[in-house]
Amino acid sequence: MAGTAVTPTRMVLNQLKGRLKTARRGHKLLKDKRDELMRQFMDVVRENKVLRENVEEGLTAAFSSLQVASSIMSPEMLEQALLYPRQSVELDMTFKNIMSVNVPRYSFTTQNNDPSEIYPYGFAQTSGELDDALDRMARVFEDMLKLAEVEKTMQLLAEEIEKTRRRVNALEYVMIPELEGNIKYITMKLEENENSTKVRLLKVKDMVLQKAHNYS
């Protein structure tokens, strides 16, 4: 209940007014942050939708070609063809700050830029569908990496939005109303004290005048 834990003095009243001003300013800043986080989050959601569709289409095409190659080539020949990869990939991760949230940024570099290095076999004993499968898998890899980056960004932004929302609600529905209630309580108490003081002063004045009149 407002006023039960505060001392009704002018010093406390001034302190509470300062805290209320700070709380209102913080509430506005947090609301602005929450709104901007929501805007950023929706942009990432739309990007995620496009990337997921591209990745699903690419993987479906790659697996279809691999399935055809598996039906043409023997399991031993297919395993032997893919046993010793010639291309290697290095994955790097940096961070980007979005509204005080550090989200990951992935990038990769290949051992060399020769596209033929994705084929770890000779072409004489293998199926053309296997070539298509590896080519499509190589092309979809970048989208897969970007999709992982975007989904992690979505997760981090969603967590920050929830934390910011709780802080906004705590200020809006708990702290600010409590401060306003305490300020109102102290203000009323001070007014009551001032009125009581005025009444006592008037009584003292009347007594002094009465005493002076009697003696005269």
N, C-alpha and C. Protein backbone atom coordinates (compact mmCIF):
# COMPACT_ATOMS: atom_id res chain seq x y z
N MET A 1 0.86 -1.19 0.00
CA MET A 1 0.00 0.00 0.00
C MET A 1 0.89 1.23 0.00
N ALA A 2 0.55 2.23 -0.79
CA ALA A 2 1.36 3.45 -0.89
C ALA A 2 1.39 4.18 0.44
N GLY A 3 2.56 4.66 0.82
CA GLY A 3 2.69 5.47 2.01
C GLY A 3 3.01 4.71 3.26
N THR A 4 2.87 3.37 3.30
CA THR A 4 3.08 2.60 4.51
C THR A 4 4.55 2.48 4.87
N ALA A 5 5.48 2.65 3.91
CA ALA A 5 6.90 2.45 4.19
C ALA A 5 7.71 3.71 3.92
N VAL A 6 7.08 4.87 3.88
CA VAL A 6 7.79 6.12 3.62
C VAL A 6 7.52 7.10 4.73
N THR A 7 8.53 7.93 4.97
CA THR A 7 8.39 8.99 5.96
C THR A 7 7.90 10.26 5.28
N PRO A 8 6.79 10.82 5.75
CA PRO A 8 6.20 12.00 5.06
C PRO A 8 6.95 13.29 5.37
N THR A 9 8.12 13.44 4.74
CA THR A 9 8.89 14.67 4.89
C THR A 9 9.16 15.27 3.51
N ARG A 10 9.51 16.54 3.49
CA ARG A 10 9.77 17.19 2.21
C ARG A 10 11.01 16.62 1.53
N MET A 11 12.00 16.23 2.31
CA MET A 11 13.19 15.64 1.71
C MET A 11 12.87 14.33 0.98
N VAL A 12 12.08 13.49 1.64
CA VAL A 12 11.66 12.24 1.01
C VAL A 12 10.80 12.53 -0.22
N LEU A 13 9.94 13.53 -0.11
CA LEU A 13 9.09 13.89 -1.24
C LEU A 13 9.93 14.30 -2.45
N ASN A 14 10.95 15.11 -2.23
CA ASN A 14 11.82 15.53 -3.33
C ASN A 14 12.58 14.34 -3.92
N GLN A 15 13.02 13.43 -3.06
CA GLN A 15 13.71 12.23 -3.55
C GLN A 15 12.78 11.37 -4.41
N LEU A 16 11.55 11.21 -3.97
CA LEU A 16 10.59 10.40 -4.73
C LEU A 16 10.25 11.05 -6.06
N LYS A 17 10.14 12.37 -6.08
CA LYS A 17 9.86 13.06 -7.34
C LYS A 17 11.02 12.87 -8.33
N GLY A 18 12.25 12.89 -7.82
CA GLY A 18 13.40 12.63 -8.68
C GLY A 18 13.40 11.21 -9.22
N ARG A 19 13.08 10.25 -8.38
CA ARG A 19 13.00 8.86 -8.82
C ARG A 19 11.88 8.66 -9.84
N LEU A 20 10.75 9.35 -9.62
CA LEU A 20 9.64 9.24 -10.56
C LEU A 20 10.03 9.80 -11.93
N LYS A 21 10.72 10.92 -11.94
CA LYS A 21 11.17 11.50 -13.20
C LYS A 21 12.11 10.56 -13.94
N THR A 22 13.04 9.95 -13.19
CA THR A 22 13.97 8.99 -13.80
C THR A 22 13.24 7.76 -14.31
N ALA A 23 12.27 7.27 -13.53
CA ALA A 23 11.53 6.09 -13.93
C ALA A 23 10.72 6.33 -15.21
N ARG A 24 10.11 7.50 -15.30
CA ARG A 24 9.34 7.82 -16.52
C ARG A 24 10.24 7.93 -17.74
N ARG A 25 11.43 8.54 -17.55
CA ARG A 25 12.37 8.64 -18.66
C ARG A 25 12.87 7.24 -19.07
N GLY A 26 13.18 6.40 -18.07
CA GLY A 26 13.61 5.04 -18.37
C GLY A 26 12.52 4.23 -19.05
N HIS A 27 11.28 4.45 -18.62
CA HIS A 27 10.13 3.75 -19.22
C HIS A 27 10.00 4.10 -20.70
N LYS A 28 10.16 5.38 -21.03
CA LYS A 28 10.07 5.80 -22.44
C LYS A 28 11.20 5.20 -23.26
N LEU A 29 12.43 5.22 -22.72
CA LEU A 29 13.57 4.67 -23.45
C LEU A 29 13.39 3.17 -23.69
N LEU A 30 12.91 2.47 -22.67
CA LEU A 30 12.72 1.02 -22.82
C LEU A 30 11.60 0.71 -23.81
N LYS A 31 10.55 1.52 -23.82
CA LYS A 31 9.48 1.31 -24.80
C LYS A 31 10.00 1.54 -26.21
N ASP A 32 10.81 2.58 -26.39
CA ASP A 32 11.40 2.82 -27.71
C ASP A 32 12.30 1.66 -28.12
N LYS A 33 13.08 1.16 -27.16
CA LYS A 33 13.96 0.02 -27.45
C LYS A 33 13.13 -1.21 -27.83
N ARG A 34 12.06 -1.47 -27.08
CA ARG A 34 11.21 -2.62 -27.38
C ARG A 34 10.59 -2.51 -28.77
N ASP A 35 10.12 -1.33 -29.13
CA ASP A 35 9.51 -1.15 -30.45
C ASP A 35 10.53 -1.35 -31.56
N GLU A 36 11.75 -0.84 -31.36
CA GLU A 36 12.78 -1.01 -32.39
C GLU A 36 13.22 -2.48 -32.48
N LEU A 37 13.30 -3.15 -31.34
CA LEU A 37 13.63 -4.57 -31.36
C LEU A 37 12.56 -5.36 -32.11
N MET A 38 11.30 -5.01 -31.92
CA MET A 38 10.22 -5.69 -32.63
C MET A 38 10.33 -5.46 -34.13
N ARG A 39 10.68 -4.23 -34.52
CA ARG A 39 10.83 -3.95 -35.95
C ARG A 39 11.98 -4.77 -36.54
N GLN A 40 13.10 -4.80 -35.83
CA GLN A 40 14.24 -5.59 -36.29
C GLN A 40 13.88 -7.07 -36.35
N PHE A 41 13.15 -7.53 -35.34
CA PHE A 41 12.76 -8.94 -35.28
C PHE A 41 11.88 -9.33 -36.46
N MET A 42 10.92 -8.47 -36.82
CA MET A 42 10.04 -8.79 -37.95
C MET A 42 10.81 -8.81 -39.26
N ASP A 43 11.81 -7.92 -39.40
CA ASP A 43 12.66 -7.96 -40.60
C ASP A 43 13.40 -9.29 -40.70
N VAL A 44 13.92 -9.75 -39.56
CA VAL A 44 14.65 -11.02 -39.54
C VAL A 44 13.70 -12.19 -39.82
N VAL A 45 12.48 -12.12 -39.32
CA VAL A 45 11.50 -13.18 -39.57
C VAL A 45 11.21 -13.30 -41.07
N ARG A 46 11.05 -12.16 -41.72
CA ARG A 46 10.80 -12.20 -43.17
C ARG A 46 12.00 -12.77 -43.93
N GLU A 47 13.20 -12.37 -43.51
CA GLU A 47 14.40 -12.90 -44.15
C GLU A 47 14.51 -14.41 -43.91
N ASN A 48 14.16 -14.83 -42.71
CA ASN A 48 14.21 -16.26 -42.39
C ASN A 48 13.27 -17.07 -43.27
N LYS A 49 12.09 -16.53 -43.53
CA LYS A 49 11.11 -17.24 -44.37
C LYS A 49 11.66 -17.48 -45.78
N VAL A 50 12.26 -16.45 -46.35
CA VAL A 50 12.81 -16.58 -47.70
C VAL A 50 13.97 -17.57 -47.72
N LEU A 51 14.87 -17.46 -46.75
CA LEU A 51 16.02 -18.34 -46.70
C LEU A 51 15.60 -19.79 -46.50
N ARG A 52 14.64 -20.02 -45.63
CA ARG A 52 14.20 -21.39 -45.37
C ARG A 52 13.61 -22.01 -46.63
N GLU A 53 12.83 -21.25 -47.37
CA GLU A 53 12.27 -21.77 -48.62
C GLU A 53 13.39 -22.11 -49.61
N ASN A 54 14.39 -21.23 -49.71
CA ASN A 54 15.51 -21.49 -50.63
C ASN A 54 16.29 -22.74 -50.22
N VAL A 55 16.54 -22.87 -48.92
CA VAL A 55 17.30 -24.03 -48.44
C VAL A 55 16.52 -25.32 -48.65
N GLU A 56 15.24 -25.29 -48.36
CA GLU A 56 14.42 -26.49 -48.56
C GLU A 56 14.38 -26.89 -50.03
N GLU A 57 14.23 -25.92 -50.91
CA GLU A 57 14.23 -26.23 -52.34
C GLU A 57 15.58 -26.78 -52.79
N GLY A 58 16.68 -26.15 -52.32
CA GLY A 58 18.01 -26.61 -52.70
C GLY A 58 18.32 -28.00 -52.20
N LEU A 59 17.96 -28.27 -50.94
CA LEU A 59 18.22 -29.60 -50.37
C LEU A 59 17.36 -30.67 -51.04
N THR A 60 16.11 -30.32 -51.36
CA THR A 60 15.24 -31.28 -52.04
C THR A 60 15.83 -31.65 -53.40
N ALA A 61 16.29 -30.64 -54.14
CA ALA A 61 16.89 -30.92 -55.45
C ALA A 61 18.17 -31.74 -55.31
N ALA A 62 19.01 -31.40 -54.31
CA ALA A 62 20.26 -32.13 -54.11
C ALA A 62 20.00 -33.58 -53.73
N PHE A 63 19.07 -33.80 -52.83
CA PHE A 63 18.78 -35.17 -52.40
C PHE A 63 18.12 -35.98 -53.51
N SER A 64 17.33 -35.31 -54.35
CA SER A 64 16.74 -36.02 -55.49
C SER A 64 17.83 -36.50 -56.44
N SER A 65 18.79 -35.63 -56.74
CA SER A 65 19.90 -36.02 -57.61
C SER A 65 20.73 -37.12 -56.97
N LEU A 66 20.94 -37.03 -55.64
CA LEU A 66 21.72 -38.05 -54.95
C LEU A 66 20.99 -39.39 -54.96
N GLN A 67 19.67 -39.34 -54.84
CA GLN A 67 18.90 -40.58 -54.87
C GLN A 67 18.98 -41.24 -56.24
N VAL A 68 18.93 -40.42 -57.30
CA VAL A 68 19.07 -40.98 -58.65
C VAL A 68 20.46 -41.58 -58.83
N ALA A 69 21.49 -40.87 -58.33
CA ALA A 69 22.85 -41.39 -58.43
C ALA A 69 23.00 -42.69 -57.66
N SER A 70 22.34 -42.79 -56.52
CA SER A 70 22.41 -44.01 -55.72
C SER A 70 21.77 -45.19 -56.43
N SER A 71 20.74 -44.91 -57.22
CA SER A 71 20.09 -46.00 -57.95
C SER A 71 20.90 -46.46 -59.15
N ILE A 72 21.77 -45.57 -59.64
CA ILE A 72 22.60 -45.91 -60.81
C ILE A 72 23.92 -46.55 -60.37
N MET A 73 24.54 -45.99 -59.35
CA MET A 73 25.84 -46.47 -58.90
C MET A 73 25.67 -47.47 -57.75
N SER A 74 26.61 -48.34 -57.59
CA SER A 74 26.58 -49.30 -56.49
C SER A 74 26.94 -48.56 -55.20
N PRO A 75 26.47 -49.06 -54.05
CA PRO A 75 26.79 -48.40 -52.79
C PRO A 75 28.30 -48.30 -52.55
N GLU A 76 29.04 -49.36 -52.94
CA GLU A 76 30.49 -49.34 -52.74
C GLU A 76 31.14 -48.24 -53.58
N MET A 77 30.69 -48.11 -54.84
CA MET A 77 31.26 -47.10 -55.73
C MET A 77 30.93 -45.69 -55.24
N LEU A 78 29.69 -45.52 -54.75
CA LEU A 78 29.27 -44.21 -54.26
C LEU A 78 30.08 -43.83 -53.02
N GLU A 79 30.26 -44.79 -52.11
CA GLU A 79 31.03 -44.52 -50.91
C GLU A 79 32.48 -44.20 -51.24
N GLN A 80 33.04 -44.95 -52.19
CA GLN A 80 34.42 -44.72 -52.58
C GLN A 80 34.61 -43.34 -53.23
N ALA A 81 33.61 -42.92 -54.00
CA ALA A 81 33.69 -41.63 -54.69
C ALA A 81 33.70 -40.47 -53.70
N LEU A 82 32.99 -40.63 -52.58
CA LEU A 82 32.85 -39.54 -51.62
C LEU A 82 33.74 -39.71 -50.39
N LEU A 83 34.62 -40.70 -50.41
CA LEU A 83 35.37 -41.04 -49.22
C LEU A 83 36.45 -40.00 -48.88
N TYR A 84 37.09 -39.42 -49.89
CA TYR A 84 38.20 -38.51 -49.66
C TYR A 84 37.91 -37.14 -50.27
N PRO A 85 37.28 -36.23 -49.50
CA PRO A 85 36.97 -34.89 -50.03
C PRO A 85 38.24 -34.11 -50.34
N ARG A 86 38.20 -33.32 -51.40
CA ARG A 86 39.35 -32.51 -51.81
C ARG A 86 39.24 -31.06 -51.36
N GLN A 87 38.02 -30.63 -51.09
CA GLN A 87 37.80 -29.23 -50.70
C GLN A 87 37.58 -29.14 -49.19
N SER A 88 38.14 -28.12 -48.56
CA SER A 88 37.92 -27.88 -47.13
C SER A 88 37.38 -26.47 -46.94
N VAL A 89 36.65 -26.29 -45.84
CA VAL A 89 36.00 -25.02 -45.55
C VAL A 89 36.38 -24.57 -44.15
N GLU A 90 36.69 -23.29 -44.01
CA GLU A 90 36.95 -22.70 -42.70
C GLU A 90 35.81 -21.73 -42.35
N LEU A 91 35.26 -21.92 -41.17
CA LEU A 91 34.13 -21.11 -40.73
C LEU A 91 34.61 -20.06 -39.74
N ASP A 92 34.22 -18.80 -39.98
CA ASP A 92 34.56 -17.70 -39.08
C ASP A 92 33.27 -17.11 -38.50
N MET A 93 33.39 -16.62 -37.27
CA MET A 93 32.22 -16.01 -36.63
C MET A 93 32.62 -14.67 -36.02
N THR A 94 31.86 -13.64 -36.34
CA THR A 94 32.00 -12.33 -35.71
C THR A 94 30.64 -11.97 -35.11
N PHE A 95 30.57 -10.77 -34.53
CA PHE A 95 29.32 -10.36 -33.89
C PHE A 95 28.92 -8.97 -34.36
N LYS A 96 27.62 -8.76 -34.43
CA LYS A 96 27.05 -7.47 -34.77
C LYS A 96 26.12 -7.05 -33.64
N ASN A 97 26.21 -5.77 -33.25
CA ASN A 97 25.39 -5.28 -32.16
C ASN A 97 24.08 -4.69 -32.70
N ILE A 98 22.98 -5.28 -32.28
CA ILE A 98 21.65 -4.78 -32.64
C ILE A 98 20.92 -4.40 -31.36
N MET A 99 20.83 -3.10 -31.08
CA MET A 99 20.14 -2.62 -29.89
C MET A 99 20.67 -3.30 -28.63
N SER A 100 21.98 -3.30 -28.46
CA SER A 100 22.70 -3.89 -27.32
C SER A 100 22.63 -5.42 -27.29
N VAL A 101 22.23 -6.04 -28.39
CA VAL A 101 22.22 -7.50 -28.50
C VAL A 101 23.31 -7.91 -29.48
N ASN A 102 24.25 -8.73 -29.04
CA ASN A 102 25.32 -9.21 -29.91
C ASN A 102 24.85 -10.46 -30.64
N VAL A 103 24.61 -10.32 -31.94
CA VAL A 103 24.14 -11.44 -32.75
C VAL A 103 25.29 -11.93 -33.63
N PRO A 104 25.32 -13.23 -33.94
CA PRO A 104 26.46 -13.78 -34.69
C PRO A 104 26.38 -13.45 -36.17
N ARG A 105 27.54 -13.37 -36.78
CA ARG A 105 27.68 -13.24 -38.22
C ARG A 105 28.67 -14.30 -38.67
N TYR A 106 28.19 -15.25 -39.51
CA TYR A 106 29.01 -16.36 -39.97
C TYR A 106 29.54 -16.07 -41.38
N SER A 107 30.74 -16.51 -41.61
CA SER A 107 31.32 -16.43 -42.95
C SER A 107 32.24 -17.64 -43.13
N PHE A 108 32.45 -18.02 -44.37
CA PHE A 108 33.30 -19.18 -44.61
C PHE A 108 34.21 -18.91 -45.80
N THR A 109 35.34 -19.56 -45.78
CA THR A 109 36.29 -19.50 -46.90
C THR A 109 36.68 -20.91 -47.28
N THR A 110 36.80 -21.16 -48.56
CA THR A 110 37.21 -22.47 -49.05
C THR A 110 38.72 -22.51 -49.27
N GLN A 111 39.22 -23.71 -49.35
CA GLN A 111 40.66 -23.88 -49.53
C GLN A 111 41.15 -23.20 -50.80
N ASN A 112 40.37 -23.29 -51.85
CA ASN A 112 40.67 -22.57 -53.09
C ASN A 112 39.37 -22.26 -53.79
N ASN A 113 39.44 -21.44 -54.81
CA ASN A 113 38.25 -20.97 -55.50
C ASN A 113 37.90 -21.77 -56.75
N ASP A 114 38.55 -22.88 -56.97
CA ASP A 114 38.27 -23.71 -58.15
C ASP A 114 36.98 -24.49 -57.92
N PRO A 115 35.90 -24.23 -58.68
CA PRO A 115 34.64 -24.93 -58.46
C PRO A 115 34.75 -26.44 -58.62
N SER A 116 35.67 -26.90 -59.44
CA SER A 116 35.79 -28.35 -59.67
C SER A 116 36.31 -29.09 -58.45
N GLU A 117 36.84 -28.34 -57.46
CA GLU A 117 37.40 -28.99 -56.29
C GLU A 117 36.33 -29.59 -55.38
N ILE A 118 35.05 -29.29 -55.65
CA ILE A 118 34.00 -29.90 -54.83
C ILE A 118 33.79 -31.36 -55.22
N TYR A 119 34.35 -31.80 -56.36
CA TYR A 119 34.20 -33.19 -56.80
C TYR A 119 35.44 -33.98 -56.38
N PRO A 120 35.33 -34.85 -55.37
CA PRO A 120 36.50 -35.58 -54.88
C PRO A 120 36.75 -36.88 -55.64
N TYR A 121 36.42 -36.92 -56.92
CA TYR A 121 36.52 -38.15 -57.70
C TYR A 121 36.75 -37.80 -59.16
N GLY A 122 37.11 -38.81 -59.91
CA GLY A 122 37.18 -38.64 -61.36
C GLY A 122 35.81 -38.85 -61.97
N PHE A 123 35.62 -38.37 -63.18
CA PHE A 123 34.29 -38.41 -63.80
C PHE A 123 34.02 -39.69 -64.59
N ALA A 124 35.02 -40.51 -64.75
CA ALA A 124 34.86 -41.68 -65.62
C ALA A 124 33.95 -42.73 -65.02
N GLN A 125 34.05 -42.95 -63.72
CA GLN A 125 33.32 -44.05 -63.09
C GLN A 125 32.11 -43.58 -62.28
N THR A 126 31.74 -42.33 -62.40
CA THR A 126 30.63 -41.82 -61.59
C THR A 126 29.49 -41.32 -62.47
N SER A 127 28.35 -41.10 -61.84
CA SER A 127 27.15 -40.65 -62.55
C SER A 127 27.09 -39.13 -62.59
N GLY A 128 26.50 -38.60 -63.66
CA GLY A 128 26.30 -37.16 -63.78
C GLY A 128 25.36 -36.64 -62.71
N GLU A 129 24.42 -37.48 -62.23
CA GLU A 129 23.51 -37.06 -61.17
C GLU A 129 24.26 -36.78 -59.87
N LEU A 130 25.36 -37.52 -59.63
CA LEU A 130 26.16 -37.27 -58.44
C LEU A 130 26.82 -35.90 -58.54
N ASP A 131 27.26 -35.54 -59.75
CA ASP A 131 27.82 -34.20 -59.96
C ASP A 131 26.78 -33.13 -59.65
N ASP A 132 25.55 -33.36 -60.13
CA ASP A 132 24.47 -32.40 -59.87
C ASP A 132 24.18 -32.27 -58.37
N ALA A 133 24.19 -33.42 -57.69
CA ALA A 133 23.89 -33.41 -56.25
C ALA A 133 24.93 -32.59 -55.49
N LEU A 134 26.21 -32.80 -55.79
CA LEU A 134 27.26 -32.07 -55.09
C LEU A 134 27.24 -30.59 -55.46
N ASP A 135 26.97 -30.30 -56.73
CA ASP A 135 26.92 -28.90 -57.16
C ASP A 135 25.79 -28.15 -56.45
N ARG A 136 24.63 -28.79 -56.38
CA ARG A 136 23.49 -28.15 -55.70
C ARG A 136 23.73 -28.03 -54.20
N MET A 137 24.37 -29.03 -53.61
CA MET A 137 24.68 -28.96 -52.18
C MET A 137 25.66 -27.83 -51.90
N ALA A 138 26.65 -27.65 -52.79
CA ALA A 138 27.62 -26.57 -52.60
C ALA A 138 26.94 -25.21 -52.71
N ARG A 139 25.99 -25.08 -53.65
CA ARG A 139 25.31 -23.79 -53.83
C ARG A 139 24.37 -23.47 -52.69
N VAL A 140 23.79 -24.49 -52.05
CA VAL A 140 22.84 -24.25 -50.97
C VAL A 140 23.55 -24.07 -49.63
N PHE A 141 24.84 -24.41 -49.58
CA PHE A 141 25.56 -24.33 -48.31
C PHE A 141 25.59 -22.90 -47.76
N GLU A 142 25.79 -21.92 -48.62
CA GLU A 142 25.84 -20.54 -48.16
C GLU A 142 24.51 -20.09 -47.58
N ASP A 143 23.41 -20.51 -48.22
CA ASP A 143 22.09 -20.18 -47.68
C ASP A 143 21.86 -20.88 -46.34
N MET A 144 22.36 -22.10 -46.20
CA MET A 144 22.20 -22.83 -44.94
C MET A 144 22.94 -22.11 -43.81
N LEU A 145 24.13 -21.62 -44.12
CA LEU A 145 24.90 -20.88 -43.12
C LEU A 145 24.20 -19.58 -42.75
N LYS A 146 23.67 -18.89 -43.74
CA LYS A 146 22.94 -17.66 -43.48
C LYS A 146 21.67 -17.93 -42.69
N LEU A 147 21.01 -19.06 -42.97
CA LEU A 147 19.80 -19.43 -42.24
C LEU A 147 20.12 -19.69 -40.76
N ALA A 148 21.24 -20.37 -40.50
CA ALA A 148 21.64 -20.60 -39.11
C ALA A 148 21.89 -19.28 -38.40
N GLU A 149 22.53 -18.35 -39.10
CA GLU A 149 22.80 -17.02 -38.53
C GLU A 149 21.51 -16.28 -38.22
N VAL A 150 20.57 -16.33 -39.15
CA VAL A 150 19.31 -15.60 -38.98
C VAL A 150 18.47 -16.21 -37.86
N GLU A 151 18.45 -17.54 -37.77
CA GLU A 151 17.64 -18.17 -36.73
C GLU A 151 18.22 -17.91 -35.34
N LYS A 152 19.55 -17.87 -35.23
CA LYS A 152 20.15 -17.53 -33.94
C LYS A 152 19.85 -16.07 -33.60
N THR A 153 19.87 -15.20 -34.60
CA THR A 153 19.53 -13.80 -34.37
C THR A 153 18.08 -13.66 -33.89
N MET A 154 17.19 -14.41 -34.51
CA MET A 154 15.79 -14.40 -34.07
C MET A 154 15.66 -14.81 -32.61
N GLN A 155 16.38 -15.86 -32.22
CA GLN A 155 16.30 -16.35 -30.85
C GLN A 155 16.81 -15.30 -29.86
N LEU A 156 17.95 -14.68 -30.16
CA LEU A 156 18.52 -13.68 -29.26
C LEU A 156 17.65 -12.43 -29.17
N LEU A 157 17.10 -11.99 -30.31
CA LEU A 157 16.22 -10.82 -30.29
C LEU A 157 14.94 -11.12 -29.52
N ALA A 158 14.40 -12.31 -29.69
CA ALA A 158 13.17 -12.68 -28.96
C ALA A 158 13.41 -12.67 -27.46
N GLU A 159 14.56 -13.17 -27.03
CA GLU A 159 14.88 -13.17 -25.60
C GLU A 159 15.02 -11.74 -25.08
N GLU A 160 15.67 -10.87 -25.86
CA GLU A 160 15.85 -9.48 -25.43
C GLU A 160 14.52 -8.74 -25.42
N ILE A 161 13.65 -9.02 -26.39
CA ILE A 161 12.32 -8.40 -26.41
C ILE A 161 11.54 -8.78 -25.15
N GLU A 162 11.61 -10.05 -24.77
CA GLU A 162 10.88 -10.50 -23.59
C GLU A 162 11.43 -9.83 -22.32
N LYS A 163 12.75 -9.73 -22.20
CA LYS A 163 13.34 -9.07 -21.03
C LYS A 163 12.94 -7.60 -20.99
N THR A 164 12.99 -6.94 -22.15
CA THR A 164 12.63 -5.52 -22.20
C THR A 164 11.15 -5.33 -21.89
N ARG A 165 10.31 -6.23 -22.39
CA ARG A 165 8.87 -6.14 -22.11
C ARG A 165 8.59 -6.26 -20.62
N ARG A 166 9.30 -7.18 -19.94
CA ARG A 166 9.09 -7.34 -18.50
C ARG A 166 9.51 -6.08 -17.74
N ARG A 167 10.62 -5.46 -18.18
CA ARG A 167 11.07 -4.24 -17.53
C ARG A 167 10.08 -3.10 -17.75
N VAL A 168 9.57 -2.98 -18.96
CA VAL A 168 8.58 -1.94 -19.25
C VAL A 168 7.34 -2.13 -18.38
N ASN A 169 6.87 -3.38 -18.28
CA ASN A 169 5.68 -3.65 -17.47
C ASN A 169 5.93 -3.38 -15.99
N ALA A 170 7.15 -3.73 -15.52
CA ALA A 170 7.47 -3.49 -14.10
C ALA A 170 7.45 -2.00 -13.79
N LEU A 171 7.98 -1.20 -14.70
CA LEU A 171 7.96 0.25 -14.49
C LEU A 171 6.54 0.79 -14.61
N GLU A 172 5.83 0.36 -15.64
CA GLU A 172 4.51 0.93 -15.95
C GLU A 172 3.45 0.55 -14.93
N TYR A 173 3.49 -0.71 -14.44
CA TYR A 173 2.40 -1.19 -13.59
C TYR A 173 2.77 -1.35 -12.12
N VAL A 174 4.05 -1.24 -11.80
CA VAL A 174 4.46 -1.44 -10.40
C VAL A 174 5.19 -0.21 -9.86
N MET A 175 6.36 0.09 -10.43
CA MET A 175 7.21 1.11 -9.84
C MET A 175 6.62 2.51 -9.95
N ILE A 176 6.20 2.90 -11.17
CA ILE A 176 5.66 4.25 -11.36
C ILE A 176 4.38 4.48 -10.54
N PRO A 177 3.39 3.55 -10.59
CA PRO A 177 2.21 3.76 -9.73
C PRO A 177 2.54 3.82 -8.24
N GLU A 178 3.52 3.01 -7.80
CA GLU A 178 3.89 3.04 -6.39
C GLU A 178 4.52 4.39 -6.02
N LEU A 179 5.40 4.89 -6.88
CA LEU A 179 6.00 6.20 -6.61
C LEU A 179 4.95 7.29 -6.61
N GLU A 180 4.03 7.25 -7.59
CA GLU A 180 2.96 8.25 -7.64
C GLU A 180 2.08 8.19 -6.38
N GLY A 181 1.80 6.96 -5.92
CA GLY A 181 1.00 6.81 -4.71
C GLY A 181 1.70 7.34 -3.49
N ASN A 182 2.99 7.08 -3.37
CA ASN A 182 3.75 7.58 -2.22
C ASN A 182 3.86 9.10 -2.25
N ILE A 183 4.05 9.66 -3.43
CA ILE A 183 4.12 11.13 -3.55
C ILE A 183 2.78 11.74 -3.15
N LYS A 184 1.71 11.14 -3.59
CA LYS A 184 0.38 11.65 -3.23
C LYS A 184 0.16 11.55 -1.72
N TYR A 185 0.58 10.43 -1.15
CA TYR A 185 0.42 10.23 0.30
C TYR A 185 1.20 11.27 1.09
N ILE A 186 2.47 11.49 0.73
CA ILE A 186 3.30 12.46 1.44
C ILE A 186 2.76 13.87 1.26
N THR A 187 2.33 14.19 0.05
CA THR A 187 1.77 15.52 -0.21
C THR A 187 0.56 15.79 0.67
N MET A 188 -0.33 14.78 0.77
CA MET A 188 -1.52 14.94 1.62
C MET A 188 -1.13 15.10 3.09
N LYS A 189 -0.14 14.29 3.53
CA LYS A 189 0.29 14.38 4.93
C LYS A 189 0.90 15.76 5.23
N LEU A 190 1.71 16.25 4.30
CA LEU A 190 2.31 17.57 4.51
C LEU A 190 1.25 18.66 4.54
N GLU A 191 0.24 18.55 3.68
CA GLU A 191 -0.84 19.53 3.68
C GLU A 191 -1.63 19.48 4.99
N GLU A 192 -1.84 18.25 5.47
CA GLU A 192 -2.54 18.10 6.75
C GLU A 192 -1.74 18.74 7.88
N ASN A 193 -0.42 18.49 7.87
CA ASN A 193 0.44 19.08 8.91
C ASN A 193 0.43 20.60 8.84
N GLU A 194 0.48 21.14 7.60
CA GLU A 194 0.45 22.60 7.44
C GLU A 194 -0.86 23.18 7.94
N ASN A 195 -1.96 22.49 7.61
CA ASN A 195 -3.26 22.97 8.08
C ASN A 195 -3.36 22.91 9.60
N SER A 196 -2.81 21.81 10.17
CA SER A 196 -2.83 21.70 11.64
C SER A 196 -2.00 22.80 12.28
N THR A 197 -0.84 23.07 11.65
CA THR A 197 0.02 24.13 12.17
C THR A 197 -0.68 25.49 12.12
N LYS A 198 -1.37 25.74 11.00
CA LYS A 198 -2.10 27.01 10.87
C LYS A 198 -3.18 27.13 11.95
N VAL A 199 -3.89 26.02 12.20
CA VAL A 199 -4.94 26.05 13.22
C VAL A 199 -4.35 26.32 14.60
N ARG A 200 -3.22 25.65 14.91
CA ARG A 200 -2.59 25.88 16.20
C ARG A 200 -2.11 27.32 16.34
N LEU A 201 -1.54 27.87 15.26
CA LEU A 201 -1.07 29.25 15.31
C LEU A 201 -2.23 30.22 15.54
N LEU A 202 -3.36 29.95 14.89
CA LEU A 202 -4.52 30.81 15.09
C LEU A 202 -5.02 30.75 16.53
N LYS A 203 -5.00 29.53 17.10
CA LYS A 203 -5.43 29.38 18.49
C LYS A 203 -4.48 30.12 19.44
N VAL A 204 -3.17 29.97 19.14
CA VAL A 204 -2.20 30.68 19.97
C VAL A 204 -2.40 32.18 19.87
N LYS A 205 -2.65 32.66 18.66
CA LYS A 205 -2.88 34.09 18.46
C LYS A 205 -4.09 34.55 19.25
N ASP A 206 -5.19 33.74 19.17
CA ASP A 206 -6.40 34.11 19.92
C ASP A 206 -6.12 34.14 21.42
N MET A 207 -5.34 33.14 21.89
CA MET A 207 -5.02 33.10 23.31
C MET A 207 -4.19 34.32 23.74
N VAL A 208 -3.22 34.67 22.88
CA VAL A 208 -2.38 35.84 23.18
C VAL A 208 -3.23 37.11 23.21
N LEU A 209 -4.13 37.25 22.22
CA LEU A 209 -4.98 38.42 22.20
C LEU A 209 -5.93 38.48 23.38
N GLN A 210 -6.45 37.27 23.73
CA GLN A 210 -7.36 37.22 24.86
C GLN A 210 -6.67 37.59 26.16
N LYS A 211 -5.42 37.05 26.29
CA LYS A 211 -4.66 37.36 27.49
C LYS A 211 -4.32 38.84 27.58
N ALA A 212 -3.95 39.38 26.40
CA ALA A 212 -3.62 40.81 26.37
C ALA A 212 -4.85 41.65 26.69
N HIS A 213 -6.02 41.27 26.23
CA HIS A 213 -7.26 42.01 26.48
C HIS A 213 -7.65 41.98 27.95
N ASN A 214 -7.52 40.78 28.54
CA ASN A 214 -7.88 40.63 29.95
C ASN A 214 -7.00 41.52 30.85
N TYR A 215 -5.64 41.52 30.50
CA TYR A 215 -4.73 42.30 31.31
C TYR A 215 -4.96 43.80 31.13
N SER A 216 -5.49 44.19 29.95
CA SER A 216 -5.73 45.61 29.72
C SER A 216 -6.97 46.07 30.47
